[in-house]
Amino acid sequence: METELFVRYGPALLYGFGITILCWLAGSIGGVIVGFILACLNRWGPHALSWVIYVYVEIIRGTPFMIQLFILYYGGPYIGLVLSPVQAGITSFVVYGSPYFAEIFRSGFNAIPKGQIEAARCVGMPETRILWRIILPQMLVPITAPLTNFFIILTKETAILSVVTVPELLFQTQTMAAETFTFVEPFLALSLFYWLMVLVTGWIGAKVEQRVTRHLKRA
């Protein structure tokens, strides 16, 4: 493919890459926050609420992301929820990711020995202090790798957002390919962008894992 075509479409591809990063970061961070809240409510909330969370988690995990995106974007206006494509993309990432993050946090909670929590309660520590001083520092060790893996999965799920006209990277690449009648080179460049995203995400995850496990290496 001629270099000048990449120069011509370069700004659009960079814009699409920026939208991809925006949807991924905002949706992932929102999913982590909502997932952590769900995990805490499931552990310390009333039993009836745990059943509601269980149903939500199973429904979202049991349905494809594309269907959830379609329902949110095209079905939302029927209940007064009108979202732009980018807003729908970010919101759908929060909805889709939060149950998975909730399960990761739940497994982290369960990895903490019950004796430590009971000992903290015996000396009068409140539940919030137990969470921040005992549970969270230790649960980071077993959940860092699963969190990194799911962040990587979400980077590639951003490609699905193009079906609701989110102007992300795949959407811009498809436009470029349709206008130039070239398909191999644009999609090879697209693969390179995604590979770099995965590479950087994995590198950050490895650094975080080294940080939270350094005490184990010293031991």
N, C-alpha and C. Protein backbone atom coordinates (compact mmCIF):
# COMPACT_ATOMS: atom_id res chain seq x y z
N MET A 1 0.84 -1.19 0.00
CA MET A 1 0.00 0.00 0.00
C MET A 1 0.88 1.25 0.00
N GLU A 2 0.50 2.29 -0.74
CA GLU A 2 1.27 3.50 -0.85
C GLU A 2 1.31 4.23 0.48
N THR A 3 2.50 4.78 0.75
CA THR A 3 2.70 5.44 2.04
C THR A 3 1.80 6.65 2.20
N GLU A 4 1.55 7.38 1.08
CA GLU A 4 0.75 8.59 1.19
C GLU A 4 -0.68 8.31 1.67
N LEU A 5 -1.18 7.10 1.46
CA LEU A 5 -2.52 6.77 1.94
C LEU A 5 -2.53 6.69 3.47
N PHE A 6 -1.45 6.15 4.03
CA PHE A 6 -1.36 6.13 5.49
C PHE A 6 -1.22 7.54 6.05
N VAL A 7 -0.48 8.39 5.29
CA VAL A 7 -0.36 9.78 5.71
C VAL A 7 -1.72 10.46 5.64
N ARG A 8 -2.48 10.14 4.60
CA ARG A 8 -3.81 10.75 4.42
C ARG A 8 -4.78 10.31 5.50
N TYR A 9 -4.76 9.04 5.84
CA TYR A 9 -5.70 8.52 6.83
C TYR A 9 -5.10 8.44 8.23
N GLY A 10 -3.86 8.87 8.37
CA GLY A 10 -3.22 8.80 9.67
C GLY A 10 -3.97 9.54 10.78
N PRO A 11 -4.41 10.79 10.56
CA PRO A 11 -5.16 11.49 11.61
C PRO A 11 -6.43 10.77 12.03
N ALA A 12 -7.15 10.18 11.06
CA ALA A 12 -8.38 9.45 11.39
C ALA A 12 -8.06 8.20 12.20
N LEU A 13 -6.97 7.51 11.84
CA LEU A 13 -6.59 6.31 12.58
C LEU A 13 -6.16 6.67 14.00
N LEU A 14 -5.41 7.76 14.15
CA LEU A 14 -5.01 8.19 15.49
C LEU A 14 -6.21 8.61 16.32
N TYR A 15 -7.16 9.28 15.66
CA TYR A 15 -8.40 9.67 16.38
C TYR A 15 -9.15 8.42 16.83
N GLY A 16 -9.24 7.44 15.95
CA GLY A 16 -9.90 6.19 16.32
C GLY A 16 -9.17 5.47 17.43
N PHE A 17 -7.84 5.53 17.41
CA PHE A 17 -7.06 4.93 18.49
C PHE A 17 -7.33 5.63 19.81
N GLY A 18 -7.47 6.96 19.77
CA GLY A 18 -7.78 7.71 20.98
C GLY A 18 -9.15 7.35 21.54
N ILE A 19 -10.15 7.19 20.64
CA ILE A 19 -11.49 6.79 21.09
C ILE A 19 -11.45 5.39 21.67
N THR A 20 -10.66 4.51 21.06
CA THR A 20 -10.52 3.15 21.59
C THR A 20 -9.95 3.17 23.01
N ILE A 21 -8.90 3.95 23.21
CA ILE A 21 -8.29 4.05 24.53
C ILE A 21 -9.27 4.65 25.53
N LEU A 22 -10.02 5.68 25.10
CA LEU A 22 -11.00 6.32 25.98
C LEU A 22 -12.06 5.33 26.44
N CYS A 23 -12.65 4.61 25.49
CA CYS A 23 -13.70 3.64 25.83
C CYS A 23 -13.15 2.53 26.71
N TRP A 24 -11.95 2.08 26.40
CA TRP A 24 -11.36 0.99 27.17
C TRP A 24 -11.04 1.43 28.59
N LEU A 25 -10.35 2.57 28.74
CA LEU A 25 -9.96 3.01 30.08
C LEU A 25 -11.18 3.39 30.92
N ALA A 26 -12.07 4.22 30.35
CA ALA A 26 -13.24 4.65 31.13
C ALA A 26 -14.13 3.47 31.48
N GLY A 27 -14.36 2.57 30.51
CA GLY A 27 -15.20 1.41 30.78
C GLY A 27 -14.57 0.45 31.76
N SER A 28 -13.24 0.25 31.66
CA SER A 28 -12.56 -0.67 32.56
C SER A 28 -12.53 -0.13 33.98
N ILE A 29 -12.21 1.16 34.13
CA ILE A 29 -12.18 1.75 35.46
C ILE A 29 -13.57 1.73 36.09
N GLY A 30 -14.59 2.09 35.29
CA GLY A 30 -15.96 2.02 35.80
C GLY A 30 -16.35 0.61 36.18
N GLY A 31 -15.94 -0.37 35.36
CA GLY A 31 -16.24 -1.77 35.66
C GLY A 31 -15.57 -2.24 36.93
N VAL A 32 -14.33 -1.80 37.17
CA VAL A 32 -13.62 -2.16 38.40
C VAL A 32 -14.34 -1.59 39.61
N ILE A 33 -14.74 -0.32 39.53
CA ILE A 33 -15.41 0.32 40.66
C ILE A 33 -16.74 -0.37 40.97
N VAL A 34 -17.55 -0.57 39.92
CA VAL A 34 -18.85 -1.22 40.12
C VAL A 34 -18.65 -2.67 40.59
N GLY A 35 -17.68 -3.36 40.00
CA GLY A 35 -17.42 -4.74 40.40
C GLY A 35 -16.99 -4.85 41.84
N PHE A 36 -16.16 -3.91 42.30
CA PHE A 36 -15.73 -3.93 43.70
C PHE A 36 -16.90 -3.67 44.64
N ILE A 37 -17.76 -2.73 44.25
CA ILE A 37 -18.96 -2.45 45.07
C ILE A 37 -19.85 -3.68 45.13
N LEU A 38 -20.05 -4.34 44.00
CA LEU A 38 -20.88 -5.56 43.98
C LEU A 38 -20.28 -6.65 44.87
N ALA A 39 -18.95 -6.81 44.79
CA ALA A 39 -18.30 -7.84 45.60
C ALA A 39 -18.44 -7.53 47.09
N CYS A 40 -18.33 -6.24 47.46
CA CYS A 40 -18.48 -5.87 48.88
C CYS A 40 -19.92 -6.08 49.34
N LEU A 41 -20.89 -5.68 48.50
CA LEU A 41 -22.30 -5.87 48.86
C LEU A 41 -22.64 -7.35 48.96
N ASN A 42 -22.04 -8.14 48.09
CA ASN A 42 -22.30 -9.58 48.12
C ASN A 42 -21.73 -10.22 49.38
N ARG A 43 -20.62 -9.65 49.89
CA ARG A 43 -19.97 -10.23 51.07
C ARG A 43 -20.57 -9.71 52.37
N TRP A 44 -20.87 -8.42 52.42
CA TRP A 44 -21.31 -7.82 53.67
C TRP A 44 -22.77 -7.33 53.65
N GLY A 45 -23.41 -7.38 52.47
CA GLY A 45 -24.78 -6.91 52.38
C GLY A 45 -25.79 -7.95 52.83
N PRO A 46 -27.06 -7.61 52.82
CA PRO A 46 -28.10 -8.56 53.21
C PRO A 46 -28.17 -9.74 52.24
N HIS A 47 -28.70 -10.83 52.72
CA HIS A 47 -28.75 -12.07 51.92
C HIS A 47 -29.61 -11.89 50.67
N ALA A 48 -30.70 -11.16 50.78
CA ALA A 48 -31.57 -10.94 49.62
C ALA A 48 -30.83 -10.20 48.52
N LEU A 49 -29.99 -9.24 48.90
CA LEU A 49 -29.22 -8.49 47.91
C LEU A 49 -28.21 -9.38 47.21
N SER A 50 -27.69 -10.35 47.91
CA SER A 50 -26.74 -11.29 47.31
C SER A 50 -27.38 -12.06 46.16
N TRP A 51 -28.66 -12.40 46.32
CA TRP A 51 -29.36 -13.10 45.24
C TRP A 51 -29.56 -12.19 44.03
N VAL A 52 -29.83 -10.92 44.26
CA VAL A 52 -29.98 -9.97 43.15
C VAL A 52 -28.65 -9.83 42.40
N ILE A 53 -27.57 -9.73 43.15
CA ILE A 53 -26.25 -9.63 42.53
C ILE A 53 -25.92 -10.90 41.76
N TYR A 54 -26.27 -12.04 42.34
CA TYR A 54 -26.01 -13.32 41.67
C TYR A 54 -26.74 -13.40 40.33
N VAL A 55 -27.99 -12.98 40.30
CA VAL A 55 -28.77 -13.01 39.05
C VAL A 55 -28.15 -12.06 38.03
N TYR A 56 -27.77 -10.87 38.47
CA TYR A 56 -27.15 -9.90 37.56
C TYR A 56 -25.87 -10.45 36.96
N VAL A 57 -25.03 -11.01 37.80
CA VAL A 57 -23.75 -11.56 37.33
C VAL A 57 -23.97 -12.67 36.32
N GLU A 58 -24.89 -13.56 36.62
CA GLU A 58 -25.12 -14.70 35.72
C GLU A 58 -25.72 -14.26 34.39
N ILE A 59 -26.61 -13.29 34.41
CA ILE A 59 -27.22 -12.81 33.16
C ILE A 59 -26.18 -12.14 32.28
N ILE A 60 -25.37 -11.25 32.85
CA ILE A 60 -24.38 -10.53 32.06
C ILE A 60 -23.29 -11.47 31.56
N ARG A 61 -22.84 -12.37 32.40
CA ARG A 61 -21.80 -13.31 31.97
C ARG A 61 -22.32 -14.33 30.98
N GLY A 62 -23.63 -14.56 30.99
CA GLY A 62 -24.21 -15.58 30.12
C GLY A 62 -24.69 -15.07 28.78
N THR A 63 -24.53 -13.79 28.51
CA THR A 63 -24.97 -13.22 27.23
C THR A 63 -23.81 -12.54 26.53
N PRO A 64 -23.77 -12.57 25.20
CA PRO A 64 -22.65 -11.96 24.46
C PRO A 64 -22.61 -10.44 24.63
N PHE A 65 -21.42 -9.91 24.58
CA PHE A 65 -21.23 -8.47 24.73
C PHE A 65 -21.94 -7.69 23.63
N MET A 66 -21.93 -8.22 22.41
CA MET A 66 -22.56 -7.50 21.31
C MET A 66 -24.06 -7.34 21.53
N ILE A 67 -24.70 -8.37 22.05
CA ILE A 67 -26.14 -8.28 22.31
C ILE A 67 -26.42 -7.25 23.39
N GLN A 68 -25.60 -7.23 24.43
CA GLN A 68 -25.77 -6.21 25.48
C GLN A 68 -25.60 -4.81 24.91
N LEU A 69 -24.64 -4.64 24.01
CA LEU A 69 -24.40 -3.34 23.40
C LEU A 69 -25.59 -2.92 22.55
N PHE A 70 -26.14 -3.84 21.77
CA PHE A 70 -27.32 -3.54 20.95
C PHE A 70 -28.51 -3.14 21.82
N ILE A 71 -28.75 -3.90 22.87
CA ILE A 71 -29.89 -3.60 23.75
C ILE A 71 -29.73 -2.23 24.40
N LEU A 72 -28.52 -1.92 24.84
CA LEU A 72 -28.29 -0.64 25.50
C LEU A 72 -28.44 0.52 24.53
N TYR A 73 -27.87 0.39 23.34
CA TYR A 73 -27.86 1.51 22.40
C TYR A 73 -29.19 1.69 21.68
N TYR A 74 -29.76 0.58 21.20
CA TYR A 74 -30.99 0.67 20.42
C TYR A 74 -32.25 0.53 21.29
N GLY A 75 -32.12 -0.17 22.41
CA GLY A 75 -33.28 -0.34 23.28
C GLY A 75 -33.39 0.72 24.36
N GLY A 76 -32.28 1.39 24.66
CA GLY A 76 -32.30 2.41 25.69
C GLY A 76 -33.32 3.52 25.47
N PRO A 77 -33.46 4.04 24.24
CA PRO A 77 -34.45 5.12 24.02
C PRO A 77 -35.88 4.74 24.39
N TYR A 78 -36.21 3.45 24.39
CA TYR A 78 -37.57 3.04 24.75
C TYR A 78 -37.86 3.29 26.23
N ILE A 79 -36.82 3.40 27.03
CA ILE A 79 -37.01 3.69 28.46
C ILE A 79 -36.44 5.06 28.82
N GLY A 80 -36.21 5.87 27.80
CA GLY A 80 -35.72 7.23 28.03
C GLY A 80 -34.22 7.36 28.17
N LEU A 81 -33.48 6.29 27.88
CA LEU A 81 -32.02 6.32 27.99
C LEU A 81 -31.42 6.51 26.60
N VAL A 82 -31.15 7.76 26.25
CA VAL A 82 -30.60 8.09 24.94
C VAL A 82 -29.12 8.40 25.11
N LEU A 83 -28.28 7.57 24.49
CA LEU A 83 -26.84 7.70 24.63
C LEU A 83 -26.20 7.89 23.27
N SER A 84 -25.13 8.67 23.24
CA SER A 84 -24.34 8.77 22.02
C SER A 84 -23.57 7.46 21.84
N PRO A 85 -23.03 7.20 20.64
CA PRO A 85 -22.30 5.94 20.45
C PRO A 85 -21.16 5.76 21.44
N VAL A 86 -20.40 6.82 21.70
CA VAL A 86 -19.28 6.70 22.64
C VAL A 86 -19.79 6.45 24.06
N GLN A 87 -20.84 7.17 24.46
CA GLN A 87 -21.42 6.95 25.79
C GLN A 87 -21.95 5.53 25.93
N ALA A 88 -22.59 5.03 24.88
CA ALA A 88 -23.10 3.66 24.91
C ALA A 88 -21.95 2.66 25.00
N GLY A 89 -20.85 2.94 24.29
CA GLY A 89 -19.70 2.05 24.35
C GLY A 89 -19.10 1.98 25.73
N ILE A 90 -18.92 3.13 26.37
CA ILE A 90 -18.34 3.15 27.71
C ILE A 90 -19.28 2.48 28.71
N THR A 91 -20.57 2.81 28.63
CA THR A 91 -21.54 2.23 29.56
C THR A 91 -21.63 0.72 29.40
N SER A 92 -21.61 0.27 28.16
CA SER A 92 -21.69 -1.17 27.93
C SER A 92 -20.45 -1.89 28.47
N PHE A 93 -19.30 -1.24 28.43
CA PHE A 93 -18.10 -1.83 29.01
C PHE A 93 -18.22 -1.94 30.52
N VAL A 94 -18.81 -0.92 31.15
CA VAL A 94 -19.02 -0.97 32.60
C VAL A 94 -19.96 -2.12 32.96
N VAL A 95 -21.06 -2.22 32.22
CA VAL A 95 -22.05 -3.26 32.49
C VAL A 95 -21.45 -4.65 32.24
N TYR A 96 -20.73 -4.78 31.14
CA TYR A 96 -20.16 -6.08 30.78
C TYR A 96 -19.03 -6.50 31.70
N GLY A 97 -18.19 -5.54 32.07
CA GLY A 97 -17.00 -5.89 32.85
C GLY A 97 -17.25 -6.07 34.33
N SER A 98 -18.22 -5.33 34.88
CA SER A 98 -18.41 -5.33 36.34
C SER A 98 -18.67 -6.72 36.93
N PRO A 99 -19.48 -7.59 36.30
CA PRO A 99 -19.66 -8.93 36.90
C PRO A 99 -18.38 -9.75 36.95
N TYR A 100 -17.54 -9.64 35.91
CA TYR A 100 -16.28 -10.37 35.91
C TYR A 100 -15.34 -9.83 36.97
N PHE A 101 -15.27 -8.52 37.08
CA PHE A 101 -14.44 -7.93 38.12
C PHE A 101 -14.96 -8.30 39.51
N ALA A 102 -16.29 -8.34 39.65
CA ALA A 102 -16.88 -8.70 40.94
C ALA A 102 -16.47 -10.12 41.34
N GLU A 103 -16.47 -11.03 40.38
CA GLU A 103 -16.07 -12.40 40.68
C GLU A 103 -14.58 -12.50 41.01
N ILE A 104 -13.77 -11.68 40.35
CA ILE A 104 -12.34 -11.67 40.66
C ILE A 104 -12.12 -11.17 42.08
N PHE A 105 -12.82 -10.09 42.45
CA PHE A 105 -12.69 -9.57 43.81
C PHE A 105 -13.25 -10.56 44.83
N ARG A 106 -14.33 -11.25 44.48
CA ARG A 106 -14.89 -12.24 45.40
C ARG A 106 -13.89 -13.35 45.68
N SER A 107 -13.20 -13.79 44.63
CA SER A 107 -12.19 -14.83 44.83
C SER A 107 -11.05 -14.31 45.69
N GLY A 108 -10.72 -13.02 45.54
CA GLY A 108 -9.68 -12.43 46.39
C GLY A 108 -10.10 -12.37 47.84
N PHE A 109 -11.36 -12.01 48.08
CA PHE A 109 -11.88 -12.01 49.45
C PHE A 109 -11.79 -13.40 50.07
N ASN A 110 -12.16 -14.39 49.30
CA ASN A 110 -12.17 -15.76 49.82
C ASN A 110 -10.77 -16.32 50.05
N ALA A 111 -9.77 -15.69 49.43
CA ALA A 111 -8.40 -16.19 49.59
C ALA A 111 -7.77 -15.78 50.91
N ILE A 112 -8.41 -14.84 51.63
CA ILE A 112 -7.85 -14.38 52.90
C ILE A 112 -8.23 -15.38 53.99
N PRO A 113 -7.28 -15.86 54.77
CA PRO A 113 -7.61 -16.80 55.85
C PRO A 113 -8.63 -16.21 56.83
N LYS A 114 -9.64 -16.99 57.15
CA LYS A 114 -10.68 -16.49 58.06
C LYS A 114 -10.13 -16.19 59.46
N GLY A 115 -9.07 -16.88 59.85
CA GLY A 115 -8.51 -16.66 61.17
C GLY A 115 -8.00 -15.24 61.34
N GLN A 116 -7.45 -14.65 60.29
CA GLN A 116 -6.96 -13.28 60.38
C GLN A 116 -8.12 -12.30 60.59
N ILE A 117 -9.21 -12.52 59.88
CA ILE A 117 -10.36 -11.64 60.01
C ILE A 117 -10.99 -11.78 61.39
N GLU A 118 -11.10 -13.02 61.86
CA GLU A 118 -11.67 -13.24 63.20
C GLU A 118 -10.79 -12.63 64.28
N ALA A 119 -9.48 -12.71 64.10
CA ALA A 119 -8.57 -12.12 65.08
C ALA A 119 -8.72 -10.60 65.11
N ALA A 120 -8.86 -10.00 63.93
CA ALA A 120 -9.03 -8.54 63.86
C ALA A 120 -10.34 -8.12 64.52
N ARG A 121 -11.39 -8.91 64.34
CA ARG A 121 -12.66 -8.59 64.99
C ARG A 121 -12.57 -8.74 66.51
N CYS A 122 -11.78 -9.70 66.94
CA CYS A 122 -11.65 -9.92 68.38
C CYS A 122 -10.98 -8.74 69.09
N VAL A 123 -10.08 -8.06 68.38
CA VAL A 123 -9.42 -6.91 69.00
C VAL A 123 -10.18 -5.61 68.76
N GLY A 124 -11.38 -5.72 68.17
CA GLY A 124 -12.25 -4.57 68.02
C GLY A 124 -12.07 -3.75 66.76
N MET A 125 -11.41 -4.27 65.74
CA MET A 125 -11.25 -3.51 64.50
C MET A 125 -12.57 -3.45 63.75
N PRO A 126 -12.97 -2.28 63.26
CA PRO A 126 -14.20 -2.19 62.47
C PRO A 126 -14.02 -2.85 61.11
N GLU A 127 -15.14 -3.19 60.47
CA GLU A 127 -15.09 -3.91 59.20
C GLU A 127 -14.37 -3.12 58.11
N THR A 128 -14.57 -1.80 58.10
CA THR A 128 -13.90 -1.00 57.07
C THR A 128 -12.39 -1.04 57.24
N ARG A 129 -11.93 -1.00 58.47
CA ARG A 129 -10.48 -1.06 58.72
C ARG A 129 -9.93 -2.44 58.39
N ILE A 130 -10.70 -3.46 58.68
CA ILE A 130 -10.29 -4.82 58.32
C ILE A 130 -10.12 -4.93 56.80
N LEU A 131 -11.07 -4.30 56.08
CA LEU A 131 -11.02 -4.35 54.61
C LEU A 131 -9.76 -3.67 54.09
N TRP A 132 -9.48 -2.46 54.57
CA TRP A 132 -8.39 -1.67 54.01
C TRP A 132 -7.01 -2.09 54.52
N ARG A 133 -6.93 -2.61 55.73
CA ARG A 133 -5.62 -2.91 56.31
C ARG A 133 -5.23 -4.39 56.24
N ILE A 134 -6.22 -5.26 56.13
CA ILE A 134 -5.92 -6.70 56.15
C ILE A 134 -6.29 -7.38 54.83
N ILE A 135 -7.52 -7.16 54.37
CA ILE A 135 -8.00 -7.89 53.19
C ILE A 135 -7.38 -7.38 51.90
N LEU A 136 -7.51 -6.08 51.64
CA LEU A 136 -7.06 -5.53 50.36
C LEU A 136 -5.57 -5.74 50.10
N PRO A 137 -4.67 -5.45 51.05
CA PRO A 137 -3.24 -5.67 50.75
C PRO A 137 -2.90 -7.10 50.38
N GLN A 138 -3.59 -8.06 50.99
CA GLN A 138 -3.28 -9.46 50.72
C GLN A 138 -3.98 -9.98 49.46
N MET A 139 -5.18 -9.50 49.20
CA MET A 139 -5.92 -10.02 48.05
C MET A 139 -5.34 -9.53 46.72
N LEU A 140 -4.52 -8.47 46.75
CA LEU A 140 -3.91 -8.00 45.51
C LEU A 140 -2.99 -9.05 44.90
N VAL A 141 -2.42 -9.90 45.74
CA VAL A 141 -1.49 -10.91 45.23
C VAL A 141 -2.20 -11.91 44.31
N PRO A 142 -3.31 -12.55 44.73
CA PRO A 142 -3.94 -13.53 43.85
C PRO A 142 -4.79 -12.94 42.73
N ILE A 143 -5.19 -11.66 42.82
CA ILE A 143 -6.11 -11.13 41.80
C ILE A 143 -5.41 -10.31 40.73
N THR A 144 -4.14 -9.99 40.89
CA THR A 144 -3.47 -9.13 39.91
C THR A 144 -3.42 -9.78 38.54
N ALA A 145 -3.04 -11.04 38.47
CA ALA A 145 -2.97 -11.73 37.18
C ALA A 145 -4.33 -11.85 36.51
N PRO A 146 -5.40 -12.29 37.22
CA PRO A 146 -6.73 -12.32 36.58
C PRO A 146 -7.21 -10.94 36.13
N LEU A 147 -6.93 -9.90 36.92
CA LEU A 147 -7.31 -8.56 36.51
C LEU A 147 -6.60 -8.15 35.22
N THR A 148 -5.30 -8.44 35.15
CA THR A 148 -4.55 -8.11 33.95
C THR A 148 -5.09 -8.84 32.73
N ASN A 149 -5.40 -10.12 32.90
CA ASN A 149 -5.93 -10.91 31.79
C ASN A 149 -7.25 -10.34 31.30
N PHE A 150 -8.12 -9.92 32.22
CA PHE A 150 -9.41 -9.40 31.77
C PHE A 150 -9.27 -8.01 31.16
N PHE A 151 -8.33 -7.21 31.65
CA PHE A 151 -8.06 -5.93 30.99
C PHE A 151 -7.62 -6.16 29.55
N ILE A 152 -6.81 -7.19 29.33
CA ILE A 152 -6.37 -7.52 27.97
C ILE A 152 -7.55 -7.95 27.11
N ILE A 153 -8.44 -8.75 27.68
CA ILE A 153 -9.64 -9.17 26.94
C ILE A 153 -10.47 -7.95 26.54
N LEU A 154 -10.60 -6.99 27.45
CA LEU A 154 -11.40 -5.81 27.15
C LEU A 154 -10.78 -4.95 26.06
N THR A 155 -9.46 -4.94 25.95
CA THR A 155 -8.83 -4.17 24.88
C THR A 155 -9.30 -4.66 23.51
N LYS A 156 -9.43 -5.97 23.37
CA LYS A 156 -9.86 -6.52 22.08
C LYS A 156 -11.36 -6.45 21.87
N GLU A 157 -12.12 -6.39 22.96
CA GLU A 157 -13.58 -6.25 22.85
C GLU A 157 -13.97 -4.87 22.33
N THR A 158 -13.05 -3.89 22.38
CA THR A 158 -13.39 -2.56 21.86
C THR A 158 -13.71 -2.60 20.38
N ALA A 159 -13.22 -3.60 19.67
CA ALA A 159 -13.49 -3.68 18.23
C ALA A 159 -14.98 -3.85 17.95
N ILE A 160 -15.72 -4.43 18.90
CA ILE A 160 -17.15 -4.66 18.70
C ILE A 160 -17.93 -3.34 18.70
N LEU A 161 -17.37 -2.30 19.31
CA LEU A 161 -18.08 -1.03 19.41
C LEU A 161 -18.36 -0.42 18.04
N SER A 162 -17.64 -0.83 17.02
CA SER A 162 -17.85 -0.27 15.69
C SER A 162 -19.24 -0.59 15.14
N VAL A 163 -19.91 -1.61 15.67
CA VAL A 163 -21.22 -2.00 15.14
C VAL A 163 -22.29 -0.98 15.49
N VAL A 164 -22.03 -0.11 16.47
CA VAL A 164 -22.98 0.96 16.80
C VAL A 164 -22.37 2.31 16.44
N THR A 165 -21.48 2.30 15.45
CA THR A 165 -20.86 3.49 14.87
C THR A 165 -20.00 4.28 15.84
N VAL A 166 -19.45 3.62 16.85
CA VAL A 166 -18.44 4.29 17.67
C VAL A 166 -17.21 4.49 16.79
N PRO A 167 -16.71 5.72 16.64
CA PRO A 167 -15.60 5.97 15.71
C PRO A 167 -14.25 5.52 16.25
N GLU A 168 -14.19 4.27 16.71
CA GLU A 168 -12.94 3.76 17.28
C GLU A 168 -12.06 3.23 16.15
N LEU A 169 -11.03 2.50 16.53
CA LEU A 169 -9.99 2.13 15.58
C LEU A 169 -10.49 1.23 14.45
N LEU A 170 -11.27 0.22 14.76
CA LEU A 170 -11.78 -0.67 13.73
C LEU A 170 -12.70 0.08 12.77
N PHE A 171 -13.54 0.96 13.30
CA PHE A 171 -14.45 1.74 12.45
C PHE A 171 -13.66 2.59 11.46
N GLN A 172 -12.60 3.24 11.92
CA GLN A 172 -11.77 4.07 11.04
C GLN A 172 -11.03 3.21 10.02
N THR A 173 -10.59 2.03 10.44
CA THR A 173 -9.89 1.14 9.52
C THR A 173 -10.83 0.63 8.44
N GLN A 174 -12.06 0.28 8.81
CA GLN A 174 -13.04 -0.16 7.82
C GLN A 174 -13.36 0.95 6.83
N THR A 175 -13.46 2.17 7.31
CA THR A 175 -13.69 3.31 6.42
C THR A 175 -12.54 3.48 5.44
N MET A 176 -11.33 3.37 5.96
CA MET A 176 -10.14 3.48 5.11
C MET A 176 -10.11 2.38 4.06
N ALA A 177 -10.40 1.17 4.46
CA ALA A 177 -10.38 0.04 3.52
C ALA A 177 -11.46 0.18 2.46
N ALA A 178 -12.66 0.65 2.85
CA ALA A 178 -13.74 0.80 1.89
C ALA A 178 -13.47 1.89 0.86
N GLU A 179 -12.80 2.95 1.29
CA GLU A 179 -12.54 4.07 0.38
C GLU A 179 -11.34 3.83 -0.52
N THR A 180 -10.40 3.00 -0.09
CA THR A 180 -9.18 2.76 -0.88
C THR A 180 -9.18 1.39 -1.56
N PHE A 181 -10.15 0.55 -1.24
CA PHE A 181 -10.24 -0.81 -1.80
C PHE A 181 -8.99 -1.63 -1.49
N THR A 182 -8.38 -1.35 -0.36
CA THR A 182 -7.27 -2.15 0.13
C THR A 182 -7.65 -2.64 1.52
N PHE A 183 -7.38 -3.91 1.78
CA PHE A 183 -7.86 -4.51 3.02
C PHE A 183 -6.74 -5.13 3.85
N VAL A 184 -5.74 -5.71 3.20
CA VAL A 184 -4.71 -6.42 3.96
C VAL A 184 -3.89 -5.46 4.80
N GLU A 185 -3.36 -4.41 4.16
CA GLU A 185 -2.47 -3.49 4.88
C GLU A 185 -3.19 -2.75 6.02
N PRO A 186 -4.40 -2.20 5.81
CA PRO A 186 -5.07 -1.52 6.92
C PRO A 186 -5.33 -2.43 8.12
N PHE A 187 -5.72 -3.68 7.84
CA PHE A 187 -6.03 -4.56 8.96
C PHE A 187 -4.76 -5.12 9.60
N LEU A 188 -3.67 -5.17 8.85
CA LEU A 188 -2.39 -5.50 9.49
C LEU A 188 -1.96 -4.38 10.43
N ALA A 189 -2.18 -3.14 10.00
CA ALA A 189 -1.88 -2.01 10.88
C ALA A 189 -2.78 -2.03 12.10
N LEU A 190 -4.05 -2.40 11.90
CA LEU A 190 -4.99 -2.51 13.02
C LEU A 190 -4.51 -3.56 14.02
N SER A 191 -4.07 -4.69 13.50
CA SER A 191 -3.56 -5.75 14.38
C SER A 191 -2.36 -5.27 15.18
N LEU A 192 -1.51 -4.45 14.53
CA LEU A 192 -0.34 -3.92 15.23
C LEU A 192 -0.75 -3.01 16.38
N PHE A 193 -1.76 -2.17 16.17
CA PHE A 193 -2.26 -1.30 17.22
C PHE A 193 -2.75 -2.12 18.42
N TYR A 194 -3.55 -3.13 18.14
CA TYR A 194 -4.08 -3.95 19.23
C TYR A 194 -2.98 -4.73 19.93
N TRP A 195 -2.02 -5.20 19.16
CA TRP A 195 -0.91 -5.94 19.77
C TRP A 195 -0.14 -5.04 20.71
N LEU A 196 0.08 -3.78 20.32
CA LEU A 196 0.79 -2.84 21.19
C LEU A 196 -0.01 -2.57 22.46
N MET A 197 -1.34 -2.44 22.33
CA MET A 197 -2.18 -2.24 23.51
C MET A 197 -2.07 -3.41 24.48
N VAL A 198 -2.12 -4.61 23.93
CA VAL A 198 -2.01 -5.81 24.78
C VAL A 198 -0.63 -5.89 25.41
N LEU A 199 0.40 -5.56 24.63
CA LEU A 199 1.77 -5.61 25.13
C LEU A 199 1.97 -4.65 26.30
N VAL A 200 1.49 -3.43 26.14
CA VAL A 200 1.64 -2.43 27.21
C VAL A 200 0.83 -2.83 28.44
N THR A 201 -0.40 -3.32 28.22
CA THR A 201 -1.24 -3.75 29.34
C THR A 201 -0.59 -4.90 30.11
N GLY A 202 -0.06 -5.87 29.39
CA GLY A 202 0.61 -6.99 30.03
C GLY A 202 1.85 -6.55 30.79
N TRP A 203 2.59 -5.58 30.22
CA TRP A 203 3.80 -5.07 30.89
C TRP A 203 3.44 -4.37 32.19
N ILE A 204 2.39 -3.54 32.15
CA ILE A 204 1.95 -2.85 33.37
C ILE A 204 1.49 -3.86 34.41
N GLY A 205 0.72 -4.86 33.96
CA GLY A 205 0.26 -5.88 34.89
C GLY A 205 1.41 -6.64 35.53
N ALA A 206 2.46 -6.93 34.74
CA ALA A 206 3.62 -7.64 35.29
C ALA A 206 4.34 -6.77 36.33
N LYS A 207 4.45 -5.46 36.06
CA LYS A 207 5.09 -4.57 37.02
C LYS A 207 4.29 -4.49 38.32
N VAL A 208 2.97 -4.40 38.19
CA VAL A 208 2.13 -4.37 39.39
C VAL A 208 2.27 -5.66 40.17
N GLU A 209 2.30 -6.79 39.47
CA GLU A 209 2.42 -8.08 40.14
C GLU A 209 3.76 -8.19 40.87
N GLN A 210 4.83 -7.68 40.24
CA GLN A 210 6.12 -7.68 40.92
C GLN A 210 6.08 -6.83 42.18
N ARG A 211 5.35 -5.72 42.10
CA ARG A 211 5.26 -4.81 43.24
C ARG A 211 4.53 -5.44 44.41
N VAL A 212 3.41 -6.11 44.13
CA VAL A 212 2.59 -6.63 45.22
C VAL A 212 3.11 -7.97 45.74
N THR A 213 4.03 -8.59 45.02
CA THR A 213 4.57 -9.88 45.47
C THR A 213 6.02 -9.80 45.91
N ARG A 214 6.58 -8.61 46.00
CA ARG A 214 8.00 -8.51 46.33
C ARG A 214 8.29 -9.02 47.74
N HIS A 215 7.31 -8.91 48.65
CA HIS A 215 7.54 -9.42 50.00
C HIS A 215 7.68 -10.94 50.00
N LEU A 216 6.99 -11.61 49.04
CA LEU A 216 7.10 -13.07 48.95
C LEU A 216 8.48 -13.47 48.47
N LYS A 217 9.06 -12.69 47.56
CA LYS A 217 10.38 -13.01 47.05
C LYS A 217 11.44 -12.84 48.13
N ARG A 218 11.26 -11.79 48.96
CA ARG A 218 12.20 -11.60 50.05
C ARG A 218 12.12 -12.75 51.05
N ALA A 219 10.87 -13.24 51.26
CA ALA A 219 10.72 -14.36 52.18
C ALA A 219 11.37 -15.62 51.64
